[in-house]
Structure formats: structure tokens, C-alpha cells
Amino acid sequence: MKRMLPIIALFFILMPFAGVLAGEADVVQAAVKQTGERTYRFDVTVAHADTGWDHYADKWDVVALDSTILGTRILHHPHVDEQPFTRSLSGVKIP
């Protein structure tokens, strides 16, 4: 798990959400659990000023130190009345 620390630290940097219009989202909490050999589950709590279908956070990424995207959690709808919200991504392989 100690080898994971640099990757986990970079994980907190979110990729842009929903283009330029949506603004930035914040990761307010994250948990990582090893589920297999080099396989992990990420539980991430995101806060964003979602206002509806035209302005919402639409994904978050797990990013390696070399900027390789290791996993993407697509957010399929706005979370206007659920802020902050938590979503998970399983099966993330970390080389």
C-alpha cells in the first residue's frame, strides 16, 4: 500500500468536469481498498455546484504519476439535491 501513496495523492487532482462551463469539482473525501492483486476500489465524495443537465460534474478519474488515466467513473446525471455525493469505481488495475 505504501507504493500506492504517490498514485493516491495524484488521484485527488480531478480532471475537468463537463467541459469549461461546469467549473471545478472538489474531492472532499476518498477511500481506497485493495480488492485483488494490483486491483483497487475507489470510493470518492465529490462536491460541485451542479445546477442541472447543462451544468454538472460528469466524471472523475484515477490518474497515475505519469498522467496515465487508470480508471474513469462516469457520472450519468446531475446531483443538484445531493451534495456532496459519493460514488465508487471498482476494478482499477494499478501497474
C-alpha atoms as a PDB file:
ATOM      1  CA  MET A   1       0.000   0.000   0.000  1.00  0.00           C
ATOM      2  CA  LYS A   2       2.935   2.368   0.618  1.00  0.00           C
ATOM      3  CA  ARG A   3       3.769   2.187  -3.094  1.00  0.00           C
ATOM      4  CA  MET A   4       0.244   3.457  -3.762  1.00  0.00           C
ATOM      5  CA  LEU A   5       0.718   6.738  -1.880  1.00  0.00           C
ATOM      6  CA  PRO A   6       2.016   8.773  -4.867  1.00  0.00           C
ATOM      7  CA  ILE A   7      -0.813   7.473  -7.057  1.00  0.00           C
ATOM      8  CA  ILE A   8      -3.404   8.145  -4.361  1.00  0.00           C
ATOM      9  CA  ALA A   9      -2.030  11.641  -3.846  1.00  0.00           C
ATOM     10  CA  LEU A  10      -2.421  12.391  -7.541  1.00  0.00           C
ATOM     11  CA  PHE A  11      -5.893  10.915  -7.504  1.00  0.00           C
ATOM     12  CA  PHE A  12      -7.111  13.998  -5.655  1.00  0.00           C
ATOM     13  CA  ILE A  13      -6.477  16.111  -8.736  1.00  0.00           C
ATOM     14  CA  LEU A  14      -9.688  15.899 -10.734  1.00  0.00           C
ATOM     15  CA  MET A  15      -9.866  16.118 -14.465  1.00  0.00           C
ATOM     16  CA  PRO A  16     -12.093  18.913 -15.814  1.00  0.00           C
ATOM     17  CA  PHE A  17     -15.795  18.183 -15.431  1.00  0.00           C
ATOM     18  CA  ALA A  18     -18.384  18.708 -18.166  1.00  0.00           C
ATOM     19  CA  GLY A  19     -16.175  20.973 -20.212  1.00  0.00           C
ATOM     20  CA  VAL A  20     -15.344  24.538 -19.348  1.00  0.00           C
ATOM     21  CA  LEU A  21     -18.878  25.520 -18.333  1.00  0.00           C
ATOM     22  CA  ALA A  22     -19.200  23.311 -15.277  1.00  0.00           C
ATOM     23  CA  GLY A  23     -16.326  24.800 -13.321  1.00  0.00           C
ATOM     24  CA  GLU A  24     -14.272  22.780 -10.891  1.00  0.00           C
ATOM     25  CA  ALA A  25     -15.337  19.993  -8.598  1.00  0.00           C
ATOM     26  CA  ASP A  26     -13.702  19.157  -5.283  1.00  0.00           C
ATOM     27  CA  VAL A  27     -12.874  15.747  -3.875  1.00  0.00           C
ATOM     28  CA  VAL A  28     -13.844  16.119  -0.225  1.00  0.00           C
ATOM     29  CA  GLN A  29     -13.117  12.514   0.776  1.00  0.00           C
ATOM     30  CA  ALA A  30     -11.664   9.384  -0.804  1.00  0.00           C
ATOM     31  CA  ALA A  31     -11.033   5.842   0.332  1.00  0.00           C
ATOM     32  CA  VAL A  32      -9.040   3.168  -1.474  1.00  0.00           C
ATOM     33  CA  LYS A  33      -9.334  -0.559  -0.808  1.00  0.00           C
ATOM     34  CA  GLN A  34      -7.278  -3.319  -2.380  1.00  0.00           C
ATOM     35  CA  THR A  35      -9.646  -5.934  -3.795  1.00  0.00           C
ATOM     36  CA  GLY A  36      -7.177  -8.225  -5.547  1.00  0.00           C
ATOM     37  CA  GLU A  37      -3.659  -8.409  -6.870  1.00  0.00           C
ATOM     38  CA  ARG A  38      -2.968  -4.858  -8.091  1.00  0.00           C
ATOM     39  CA  THR A  39      -6.724  -4.200  -8.217  1.00  0.00           C
ATOM     40  CA  TYR A  40      -8.431  -1.486  -6.170  1.00  0.00           C
ATOM     41  CA  ARG A  41     -11.791   0.072  -5.380  1.00  0.00           C
ATOM     42  CA  PHE A  42     -12.055   3.862  -5.024  1.00  0.00           C
ATOM     43  CA  ASP A  43     -14.903   5.453  -3.027  1.00  0.00           C
ATOM     44  CA  VAL A  44     -14.907   9.170  -3.771  1.00  0.00           C
ATOM     45  CA  THR A  45     -17.005  12.001  -2.363  1.00  0.00           C
ATOM     46  CA  VAL A  46     -17.320  14.947  -4.741  1.00  0.00           C
ATOM     47  CA  ALA A  47     -18.748  18.433  -4.186  1.00  0.00           C
ATOM     48  CA  HIS A  48     -19.762  20.507  -7.199  1.00  0.00           C
ATOM     49  CA  ALA A  49     -22.252  23.273  -7.864  1.00  0.00           C
ATOM     50  CA  ASP A  50     -24.462  21.132 -10.120  1.00  0.00           C
ATOM     51  CA  THR A  51     -27.401  23.154 -11.432  1.00  0.00           C
ATOM     52  CA  GLY A  52     -28.971  20.610 -13.793  1.00  0.00           C
ATOM     53  CA  TRP A  53     -28.300  18.828 -17.059  1.00  0.00           C
ATOM     54  CA  ASP A  54     -26.437  21.816 -18.569  1.00  0.00           C
ATOM     55  CA  HIS A  55     -24.015  22.189 -15.635  1.00  0.00           C
ATOM     56  CA  TYR A  56     -22.898  19.146 -13.640  1.00  0.00           C
ATOM     57  CA  ALA A  57     -19.828  17.084 -12.777  1.00  0.00           C
ATOM     58  CA  ASP A  58     -19.827  14.241 -15.294  1.00  0.00           C
ATOM     59  CA  LYS A  59     -16.810  12.126 -14.279  1.00  0.00           C
ATOM     60  CA  TRP A  60     -13.791  11.628 -12.114  1.00  0.00           C
ATOM     61  CA  ASP A  61     -10.528   9.885 -12.989  1.00  0.00           C
ATOM     62  CA  VAL A  62      -7.860   7.872 -11.184  1.00  0.00           C
ATOM     63  CA  VAL A  63      -4.578   9.216 -12.561  1.00  0.00           C
ATOM     64  CA  ALA A  64      -1.037   7.754 -12.283  1.00  0.00           C
ATOM     65  CA  LEU A  65       2.056   9.863 -11.707  1.00  0.00           C
ATOM     66  CA  ASP A  66       2.830   9.823 -15.433  1.00  0.00           C
ATOM     67  CA  SER A  67      -0.692  11.213 -16.175  1.00  0.00           C
ATOM     68  CA  THR A  68      -1.982   7.855 -17.425  1.00  0.00           C
ATOM     69  CA  ILE A  69      -5.691   7.524 -16.667  1.00  0.00           C
ATOM     70  CA  LEU A  70      -6.094   4.236 -14.804  1.00  0.00           C
ATOM     71  CA  GLY A  71      -9.850   4.434 -14.408  1.00  0.00           C
ATOM     72  CA  THR A  72     -12.807   6.738 -15.034  1.00  0.00           C
ATOM     73  CA  ARG A  73     -16.065   6.913 -13.110  1.00  0.00           C
ATOM     74  CA  ILE A  74     -18.751   8.368 -15.363  1.00  0.00           C
ATOM     75  CA  LEU A  75     -21.458  10.321 -13.527  1.00  0.00           C
ATOM     76  CA  HIS A  76     -24.601   9.855 -15.591  1.00  0.00           C
ATOM     77  CA  HIS A  77     -26.781  12.627 -14.156  1.00  0.00           C
ATOM     78  CA  PRO A  78     -26.682  15.849 -12.116  1.00  0.00           C
ATOM     79  CA  HIS A  79     -26.608  15.719  -8.321  1.00  0.00           C
ATOM     80  CA  VAL A  80     -28.297  19.041  -7.640  1.00  0.00           C
ATOM     81  CA  ASP A  81     -30.019  17.945  -4.409  1.00  0.00           C
ATOM     82  CA  GLU A  82     -27.305  15.504  -3.319  1.00  0.00           C
ATOM     83  CA  GLN A  83     -24.204  17.486  -2.380  1.00  0.00           C
ATOM     84  CA  PRO A  84     -21.650  16.312  -1.701  1.00  0.00           C
ATOM     85  CA  PHE A  85     -22.191  12.842  -3.189  1.00  0.00           C
ATOM     86  CA  THR A  86     -20.193   9.601  -3.103  1.00  0.00           C
ATOM     87  CA  ARG A  87     -19.662   7.190  -5.974  1.00  0.00           C
ATOM     88  CA  SER A  88     -17.377   4.183  -6.339  1.00  0.00           C
ATOM     89  CA  LEU A  89     -15.201   2.664  -9.029  1.00  0.00           C
ATOM     90  CA  SER A  90     -14.073  -0.952  -8.719  1.00  0.00           C
ATOM     91  CA  GLY A  91     -11.627  -2.997 -10.720  1.00  0.00           C
ATOM     92  CA  VAL A  92      -8.968  -0.313 -11.128  1.00  0.00           C
ATOM     93  CA  LYS A  93      -5.707  -2.034 -12.103  1.00  0.00           C
ATOM     94  CA  ILE A  94      -2.575  -0.312 -10.858  1.00  0.00           C
ATOM     95  CA  PRO A  95       0.621  -1.479 -12.560  1.00  0.00           C
END
